[in-house]
């Protein structure tokens, strides 16, 4: 029995339905995350709190505008909602494209659908557990105690600026960690091969360090912290591309 092919209109209707489901889920998740914004705030501030808990200074985070904390909580809620919704969005994308694929194509693409959120999560965990504590220690090293001849230099971090920094780093690392997925997909369509990637390694090193300098604050900790994992992921990509070529 021959299956009836869907028309362009039917595809557009289904696409609209998938997008609507993603938006509804994102909105509901956003509302839920806003009610727990203070818990999310506590979680994201933990690296800073742990870094300064033993320095015998009464630390705090400040805000300098009446609406600043409210807007910060909205940003946190949206960031958390998008993070939670990513698997659902990927599932909706998969359900939309899967009916048009052959069985072998589904088996080829499914690992990438799984690897994408996993790699994003690994990038975020690297920021939270390693990069931020090291960066905070580095920045705090520029503080200066008071002397008879000079005033002290002490950090008074703003809520909005700190949370913007850590969320921006999580997003930057998460997206950057998609490098193996991107290169392996390009290899599957014949755009690159392992030999091509090996020959251009020296150029990629320059590109990665330049990209790390743009995506991270102007300090060596976060820049090197992003560049080195990307170099490792690039080498892993060469290995995965070689496997694709064999298959």
Protein backbone atom coordinates (compact mmCIF):
# COMPACT_ATOMS: atom_id res chain seq x y z
CA UNK A 1 0.00 0.00 0.00
CA UNK A 2 1.45 3.36 -1.07
CA UNK A 3 1.45 6.04 1.61
CA UNK A 4 -0.14 9.32 0.63
CA UNK A 5 2.38 12.15 0.49
CA UNK A 6 1.52 15.25 2.47
CA UNK A 7 1.05 18.51 0.60
CA UNK A 8 3.05 21.66 1.27
CA UNK A 9 0.02 23.13 3.03
CA UNK A 10 -0.22 20.12 5.33
CA UNK A 11 3.48 20.40 6.14
CA UNK A 12 3.05 24.08 6.97
CA UNK A 13 0.07 23.30 9.22
CA UNK A 14 2.09 20.64 11.03
CA UNK A 15 5.06 23.01 11.34
CA UNK A 16 2.81 25.68 12.82
CA UNK A 17 1.43 23.11 15.26
CA UNK A 18 4.93 22.06 16.34
CA UNK A 19 6.06 25.67 16.81
CA UNK A 20 2.90 26.47 18.77
CA UNK A 21 3.52 23.51 21.09
CA UNK A 22 7.09 24.69 21.70
CA UNK A 23 5.93 28.25 22.46
CA UNK A 24 3.19 27.06 24.83
CA UNK A 25 5.59 24.76 26.67
CA UNK A 26 8.20 27.53 26.84
CA UNK A 27 5.63 29.99 28.21
CA UNK A 28 4.33 27.57 30.85
CA UNK A 29 7.89 26.71 31.87
CA UNK A 30 8.74 30.42 32.03
CA UNK A 31 5.85 31.04 34.46
CA UNK A 32 6.97 28.12 36.63
CA UNK A 33 10.61 29.23 36.57
CA UNK A 34 9.65 32.77 37.59
CA UNK A 35 8.05 31.48 40.78
CA UNK A 36 11.33 29.67 41.53
CA UNK A 37 13.57 32.52 40.34
CA UNK A 38 14.96 33.03 43.83
CA UNK A 39 16.02 29.35 43.96
CA UNK A 40 17.62 29.64 40.52
CA UNK A 41 19.36 32.80 41.70
CA UNK A 42 20.74 30.96 44.74
CA UNK A 43 22.01 28.16 42.50
CA UNK A 44 23.79 30.47 40.05
CA UNK A 45 25.29 32.61 42.84
CA UNK A 46 26.78 29.55 44.58
CA UNK A 47 30.14 29.70 42.70
CA UNK A 48 30.59 33.30 43.87
CA UNK A 49 29.45 32.53 47.42
CA UNK A 50 31.81 29.56 47.67
CA UNK A 51 34.75 31.58 46.31
CA UNK A 52 34.37 34.37 48.89
CA UNK A 53 33.08 32.53 51.97
CA UNK A 54 36.50 32.39 53.71
CA UNK A 55 37.90 35.84 52.94
CA UNK A 56 36.57 37.49 56.16
CA UNK A 57 34.77 40.24 54.22
CA UNK A 58 31.05 40.91 54.44
CA UNK A 59 30.22 40.18 50.81
CA UNK A 60 26.98 41.08 49.07
CA UNK A 61 25.45 41.57 45.66
CA UNK A 62 23.91 44.98 45.04
CA UNK A 63 21.41 46.52 42.64
CA UNK A 64 21.41 50.22 41.74
CA UNK A 65 17.98 50.60 40.14
CA UNK A 66 14.55 49.88 41.58
CA UNK A 67 13.57 47.58 38.71
CA UNK A 68 16.95 45.89 38.28
CA UNK A 69 16.31 42.78 40.39
CA UNK A 70 12.81 42.31 38.92
CA UNK A 71 14.18 42.39 35.36
CA UNK A 72 17.02 40.10 36.40
CA UNK A 73 14.52 37.54 37.71
CA UNK A 74 12.63 37.75 34.41
CA UNK A 75 15.85 37.07 32.51
CA UNK A 76 16.67 34.18 34.82
CA UNK A 77 13.19 32.70 34.34
CA UNK A 78 13.47 32.93 30.55
CA UNK A 79 17.00 31.51 30.52
CA UNK A 80 15.94 28.59 32.72
CA UNK A 81 12.76 28.00 30.71
CA UNK A 82 14.69 27.88 27.45
CA UNK A 83 17.27 25.55 28.99
CA UNK A 84 14.54 23.19 30.22
CA UNK A 85 12.57 23.43 26.96
CA UNK A 86 15.49 22.59 24.68
CA UNK A 87 14.87 18.79 24.78
CA UNK A 88 11.17 19.35 24.02
CA UNK A 89 12.06 21.66 21.12
CA UNK A 90 14.48 19.05 19.74
CA UNK A 91 11.81 16.35 20.06
CA UNK A 92 9.33 18.50 18.12
CA UNK A 93 11.95 19.10 15.43
CA UNK A 94 12.61 15.37 15.27
CA UNK A 95 8.89 14.53 15.01
CA UNK A 96 8.56 17.02 12.15
CA UNK A 97 11.47 15.76 10.04
CA UNK A 98 11.44 12.04 10.97
CA UNK A 99 8.45 11.02 8.76
CA UNK A 100 10.35 12.25 5.71
CA UNK A 101 13.47 10.19 6.42
CA UNK A 102 14.40 6.65 5.54
CA UNK A 103 15.17 4.25 8.35
CA UNK A 104 18.93 4.49 7.84
CA UNK A 105 18.70 8.30 7.83
CA UNK A 106 16.78 8.25 11.12
CA UNK A 107 19.43 6.01 12.66
CA UNK A 108 22.14 8.38 11.37
CA UNK A 109 20.55 11.55 12.75
CA UNK A 110 19.28 10.26 16.09
CA UNK A 111 22.74 10.28 17.79
CA UNK A 112 23.11 13.96 16.90
CA UNK A 113 19.73 14.77 18.46
CA UNK A 114 20.94 13.08 21.66
CA UNK A 115 24.47 14.53 21.58
CA UNK A 116 23.34 18.15 21.16
CA UNK A 117 21.73 18.65 24.62
CA UNK A 118 24.34 16.43 26.28
CA UNK A 119 27.22 18.53 24.94
CA UNK A 120 25.39 21.74 25.84
CA UNK A 121 24.95 20.47 29.39
CA UNK A 122 28.64 19.54 29.60
CA UNK A 123 29.60 23.04 28.50
CA UNK A 124 27.35 24.57 31.14
CA UNK A 125 28.72 22.28 33.86
CA UNK A 126 32.29 23.24 32.93
CA UNK A 127 31.40 26.91 33.41
CA UNK A 128 29.59 26.35 36.71
CA UNK A 129 31.99 23.99 38.42
CA UNK A 130 35.38 25.06 37.05
CA UNK A 131 35.56 28.24 34.98
CA UNK A 132 33.51 30.58 37.21
CA UNK A 133 35.30 29.68 40.49
CA UNK A 134 38.70 30.18 38.81
CA UNK A 135 37.61 33.43 37.16
CA UNK A 136 36.18 34.80 40.42
CA UNK A 137 39.42 34.03 42.26
CA UNK A 138 41.35 35.75 39.47
CA UNK A 139 39.23 38.92 39.57
CA UNK A 140 39.25 39.08 43.37
CA UNK A 141 43.05 38.98 43.33
CA UNK A 142 42.97 42.63 42.21
CA UNK A 143 41.35 43.76 45.45
CA UNK A 144 43.50 45.92 47.70
CA UNK A 145 43.32 46.56 51.43
CA UNK A 146 43.36 50.07 52.83
CA UNK A 147 46.67 51.69 53.73
CA UNK A 148 47.46 55.08 55.32
CA UNK A 149 48.27 56.40 51.87
CA UNK A 150 45.42 54.88 49.82
CA UNK A 151 41.82 53.72 49.88
CA UNK A 152 40.84 50.04 49.59
CA UNK A 153 39.74 48.45 46.34
CA UNK A 154 36.86 46.07 47.05
CA UNK A 155 34.40 44.32 44.78
CA UNK A 156 30.75 45.37 45.03
CA UNK A 157 29.25 43.08 42.40
CA UNK A 158 25.89 43.95 40.85
CA UNK A 159 23.22 41.25 40.70
CA UNK A 160 22.41 41.89 37.06
CA UNK A 161 26.02 41.98 35.89
CA UNK A 162 27.03 38.80 37.72
CA UNK A 163 24.04 36.77 36.53
CA UNK A 164 24.40 38.13 32.99
CA UNK A 165 28.03 37.02 33.02
CA UNK A 166 27.41 33.46 34.18
CA UNK A 167 24.39 32.90 31.91
CA UNK A 168 26.28 34.34 28.93
CA UNK A 169 29.20 32.01 29.63
CA UNK A 170 26.91 28.98 29.97
CA UNK A 171 25.29 29.77 26.62
CA UNK A 172 28.65 30.48 24.94
CA UNK A 173 30.23 27.26 26.22
CA UNK A 174 27.11 25.22 25.47
CA UNK A 175 26.94 26.41 21.86
CA UNK A 176 30.71 26.06 21.38
CA UNK A 177 30.56 22.48 22.59
CA UNK A 178 28.41 21.65 19.55
CA UNK A 179 31.59 21.63 17.44
CA UNK A 180 31.79 17.80 17.11
CA UNK A 181 28.12 17.64 16.09
CA UNK A 182 28.59 20.34 13.46
CA UNK A 183 31.77 18.89 11.94
CA UNK A 184 30.43 15.33 11.93
CA UNK A 185 27.26 16.46 10.16
CA UNK A 186 29.37 18.32 7.60
CA UNK A 187 31.36 15.13 7.08
CA UNK A 188 28.17 13.13 6.54
CA UNK A 189 27.15 15.41 3.66
CA UNK A 190 30.68 15.29 2.21
CA UNK A 191 31.62 18.89 2.96
CA UNK A 192 34.71 18.03 5.05
CA UNK A 193 36.85 14.97 5.76
CA UNK A 194 39.40 13.98 8.38
CA UNK A 195 42.38 14.89 6.20
CA UNK A 196 40.89 18.32 5.51
CA UNK A 197 40.49 18.96 9.25
CA UNK A 198 44.00 17.72 10.05
CA UNK A 199 45.64 19.97 7.46
CA UNK A 200 43.84 23.05 8.77
CA UNK A 201 44.51 22.40 12.45
CA UNK A 202 46.86 25.40 12.84
CA UNK A 203 44.26 27.77 11.39
CA UNK A 204 41.56 26.30 13.61
CA UNK A 205 43.71 26.93 16.69
CA UNK A 206 43.90 30.63 15.81
CA UNK A 207 40.14 30.75 15.11
CA UNK A 208 39.29 29.01 18.39
CA UNK A 209 41.42 31.35 20.52
CA UNK A 210 40.01 34.37 18.65
CA UNK A 211 36.46 33.12 19.20
CA UNK A 212 37.19 32.49 22.89
CA UNK A 213 38.45 36.07 23.23
CA UNK A 214 35.20 37.40 21.73
CA UNK A 215 32.77 35.16 23.65
CA UNK A 216 34.34 35.49 27.11
CA UNK A 217 35.37 38.39 29.39
CA UNK A 218 38.83 39.87 28.84
CA UNK A 219 40.65 37.58 31.24
CA UNK A 220 42.95 34.62 30.54
CA UNK A 221 41.04 32.17 32.78
CA UNK A 222 37.77 32.06 30.84
CA UNK A 223 39.46 32.46 27.46
CA UNK A 224 41.82 29.54 28.00
CA UNK A 225 39.02 27.65 29.75
CA UNK A 226 36.95 27.81 26.56
CA UNK A 227 39.78 27.42 24.05
CA UNK A 228 41.36 24.26 25.48
CA UNK A 229 38.12 22.19 25.60
CA UNK A 230 37.33 23.34 22.06
CA UNK A 231 40.74 22.18 20.87
CA UNK A 232 40.09 18.81 22.51
CA UNK A 233 36.63 18.65 20.91
CA UNK A 234 38.20 19.47 17.54
CA UNK A 235 40.55 16.51 17.87
CA UNK A 236 37.58 14.33 18.87
CA UNK A 237 35.75 15.64 15.81
CA UNK A 238 38.58 14.47 13.55
CA UNK A 239 38.22 11.01 15.09
CA UNK A 240 34.42 10.93 14.65
CA UNK A 241 34.73 12.21 11.07
CA UNK A 242 37.17 9.40 10.34
CA UNK A 243 34.60 6.89 11.65
CA UNK A 244 31.95 8.44 9.39
CA UNK A 245 34.26 8.07 6.40
CA UNK A 246 34.80 4.37 7.14
CA UNK A 247 31.05 3.78 7.27
